[in-house]
Amino acid sequence: MKKSIICAAALSLVIGFSFTGNVFAADEKGPAEIVIEPTAAKPKKSPVTFPHAKHQETLKCADCHHSMDDAGKQVAWVEGQKNEKCSSCHNAEKLAGKKKGKLKLDTLKGAAHGNCLACHKAKAKEDAKLKNLKKCTTCHPKKKK
């Protein structure tokens, strides 16, 4: 009798931990959607709703995510690394005056246009069915009146 109770308790713990592990693994994927609100500088812009889960279906995390070393240089993202909001680095405090061509990397707009728009244009070039992907309204829907 004691053995069966101990075995049942152990089995319950194992099953419980396996479900907990799955919950934690799902959390690591981040939110399904991310809403980026307009800034004070551009209050009339529509919010951008970023379909994070949809992008995860076709891209690897490291295709978009990266980090910054102590010298302020971009380094590749590696599995298990904590993901921060883009704006935690792409701001005037951390990347003051940094540019990549004409893009200001010290703004969220510059980071998104550099990474997201470049990828959208490349995908549209690869597949004619995705030609609308490079339009501004893909990310910036017209504001409803």
Protein backbone atom coordinates (compact mmCIF):
# COMPACT_ATOMS: atom_id res chain seq x y z
CA MET A 1 0.00 0.00 0.00
CA LYS A 2 2.79 2.41 0.96
CA LYS A 3 4.67 1.59 -2.24
CA SER A 4 1.66 2.38 -4.42
CA ILE A 5 1.10 5.71 -2.65
CA ILE A 6 4.77 6.65 -3.04
CA CYS A 7 4.77 5.59 -6.70
CA ALA A 8 1.55 7.55 -7.36
CA ALA A 9 3.00 10.64 -5.66
CA ALA A 10 6.25 10.37 -7.64
CA LEU A 11 4.34 9.87 -10.89
CA SER A 12 2.18 12.92 -10.09
CA LEU A 13 5.28 15.04 -9.51
CA VAL A 14 6.87 13.89 -12.77
CA ILE A 15 3.71 14.64 -14.74
CA GLY A 16 3.27 17.98 -12.97
CA PHE A 17 6.85 19.04 -13.72
CA SER A 18 6.54 18.02 -17.36
CA PHE A 19 3.51 20.32 -17.79
CA THR A 20 5.28 23.11 -15.92
CA GLY A 21 8.25 22.75 -18.26
CA ASN A 22 5.95 23.11 -21.27
CA VAL A 23 4.42 26.26 -19.80
CA PHE A 24 7.87 27.77 -19.27
CA ALA A 25 8.94 26.78 -22.79
CA ALA A 26 5.87 28.51 -24.23
CA ASP A 27 6.67 31.67 -22.25
CA GLU A 28 10.16 31.75 -23.77
CA LYS A 29 8.60 32.32 -27.19
CA GLY A 30 7.33 35.70 -26.06
CA PRO A 31 3.94 37.22 -26.75
CA ALA A 32 1.94 36.20 -29.82
CA GLU A 33 1.47 39.87 -30.73
CA ILE A 34 3.36 42.99 -29.80
CA VAL A 35 1.73 46.42 -30.12
CA ILE A 36 4.12 49.30 -30.67
CA GLU A 37 2.42 52.56 -29.80
CA PRO A 38 3.19 55.83 -31.60
CA THR A 39 5.78 58.05 -29.96
CA ALA A 40 5.20 61.54 -28.60
CA ALA A 41 7.09 62.82 -31.65
CA LYS A 42 4.61 61.12 -34.04
CA PRO A 43 1.34 60.92 -32.08
CA LYS A 44 -0.88 60.77 -35.19
CA LYS A 45 0.64 57.50 -36.43
CA SER A 46 -1.32 54.28 -36.01
CA PRO A 47 0.03 51.70 -33.57
CA VAL A 48 1.99 48.89 -35.19
CA THR A 49 0.73 45.42 -34.32
CA PHE A 50 3.61 43.03 -34.78
CA PRO A 51 2.47 39.39 -35.28
CA HIS A 52 5.34 37.79 -33.35
CA ALA A 53 3.94 34.24 -33.45
CA LYS A 54 3.39 34.43 -37.21
CA HIS A 55 7.01 35.48 -37.74
CA GLN A 56 8.19 32.59 -35.55
CA GLU A 57 6.61 30.15 -38.00
CA THR A 58 9.10 31.04 -40.74
CA LEU A 59 12.06 32.70 -39.00
CA LYS A 60 14.62 31.71 -36.39
CA CYS A 61 14.91 33.88 -33.27
CA ALA A 62 18.41 34.99 -34.29
CA ASP A 63 17.08 36.29 -37.64
CA CYS A 64 15.66 39.28 -35.74
CA HIS A 65 17.02 39.25 -32.20
CA HIS A 66 20.52 40.35 -31.32
CA SER A 67 22.35 41.82 -28.38
CA MET A 68 25.02 44.39 -27.66
CA ASP A 69 28.47 43.87 -26.20
CA ASP A 70 30.15 46.19 -23.67
CA ALA A 71 31.62 48.26 -26.52
CA GLY A 72 28.13 48.88 -27.94
CA LYS A 73 28.58 46.63 -30.96
CA GLN A 74 25.84 44.31 -32.17
CA VAL A 75 26.43 40.64 -31.40
CA ALA A 76 24.43 37.65 -32.60
CA TRP A 77 21.68 36.26 -30.41
CA VAL A 78 22.27 32.77 -29.01
CA GLU A 79 19.79 30.20 -27.68
CA GLY A 80 18.87 30.85 -24.06
CA GLN A 81 19.80 34.52 -24.15
CA LYS A 82 17.25 36.87 -22.60
CA ASN A 83 15.26 38.90 -25.13
CA GLU A 84 14.70 42.52 -24.31
CA LYS A 85 12.35 45.01 -25.92
CA CYS A 86 13.99 46.61 -28.97
CA SER A 87 13.66 50.01 -27.31
CA SER A 88 15.80 48.89 -24.35
CA CYS A 89 18.86 49.42 -26.58
CA HIS A 90 17.48 51.35 -29.54
CA ASN A 91 17.21 54.65 -27.70
CA ALA A 92 19.12 57.94 -27.53
CA GLU A 93 20.74 57.00 -24.23
CA LYS A 94 22.38 53.73 -25.32
CA LEU A 95 22.97 54.32 -29.03
CA ALA A 96 23.27 58.09 -29.18
CA GLY A 97 24.02 59.17 -32.74
CA LYS A 98 24.63 55.64 -34.08
CA LYS A 99 23.65 55.22 -37.70
CA LYS A 100 23.64 52.56 -40.37
CA GLY A 101 23.62 54.45 -43.62
CA LYS A 102 20.79 56.94 -43.36
CA LEU A 103 19.02 55.04 -40.58
CA LYS A 104 19.28 56.27 -37.02
CA LEU A 105 19.82 53.21 -34.85
CA ASP A 106 19.14 55.19 -31.69
CA THR A 107 15.42 55.11 -32.47
CA LEU A 108 12.94 52.27 -32.60
CA LYS A 109 11.83 53.54 -36.01
CA GLY A 110 15.39 53.30 -37.36
CA ALA A 111 15.86 49.80 -35.95
CA ALA A 112 12.56 48.57 -37.38
CA HIS A 113 13.10 50.12 -40.77
CA GLY A 114 16.62 48.70 -40.89
CA ASN A 115 15.73 45.17 -39.83
CA CYS A 116 12.03 44.64 -40.58
CA LEU A 117 11.70 46.66 -43.76
CA ALA A 118 14.91 45.22 -45.20
CA CYS A 119 13.58 41.70 -44.59
CA HIS A 120 10.15 42.55 -46.01
CA LYS A 121 11.74 43.95 -49.18
CA ALA A 122 13.94 40.87 -49.56
CA LYS A 123 10.98 38.49 -49.11
CA ALA A 124 8.92 40.49 -51.64
CA LYS A 125 11.79 40.29 -54.12
CA GLU A 126 12.04 36.50 -53.66
CA ASP A 127 8.31 35.85 -54.11
CA ALA A 128 6.08 37.96 -56.39
CA LYS A 129 3.01 36.94 -54.34
CA LEU A 130 4.48 38.89 -51.41
CA LYS A 131 4.90 42.17 -53.31
CA ASN A 132 2.58 44.02 -50.89
CA LEU A 133 4.78 43.03 -47.97
CA LYS A 134 7.08 45.97 -48.65
CA LYS A 135 4.28 48.56 -48.50
CA CYS A 136 4.17 50.91 -45.52
CA THR A 137 0.58 49.85 -44.76
CA THR A 138 1.75 46.30 -44.02
CA CYS A 139 2.97 47.52 -40.63
CA HIS A 140 1.32 50.95 -40.49
CA PRO A 141 -2.38 50.48 -41.24
CA LYS A 142 -4.29 53.62 -42.05
CA LYS A 143 -5.87 55.13 -38.97
CA LYS A 144 -9.63 54.66 -38.79
CA LYS A 145 -11.54 57.92 -38.64
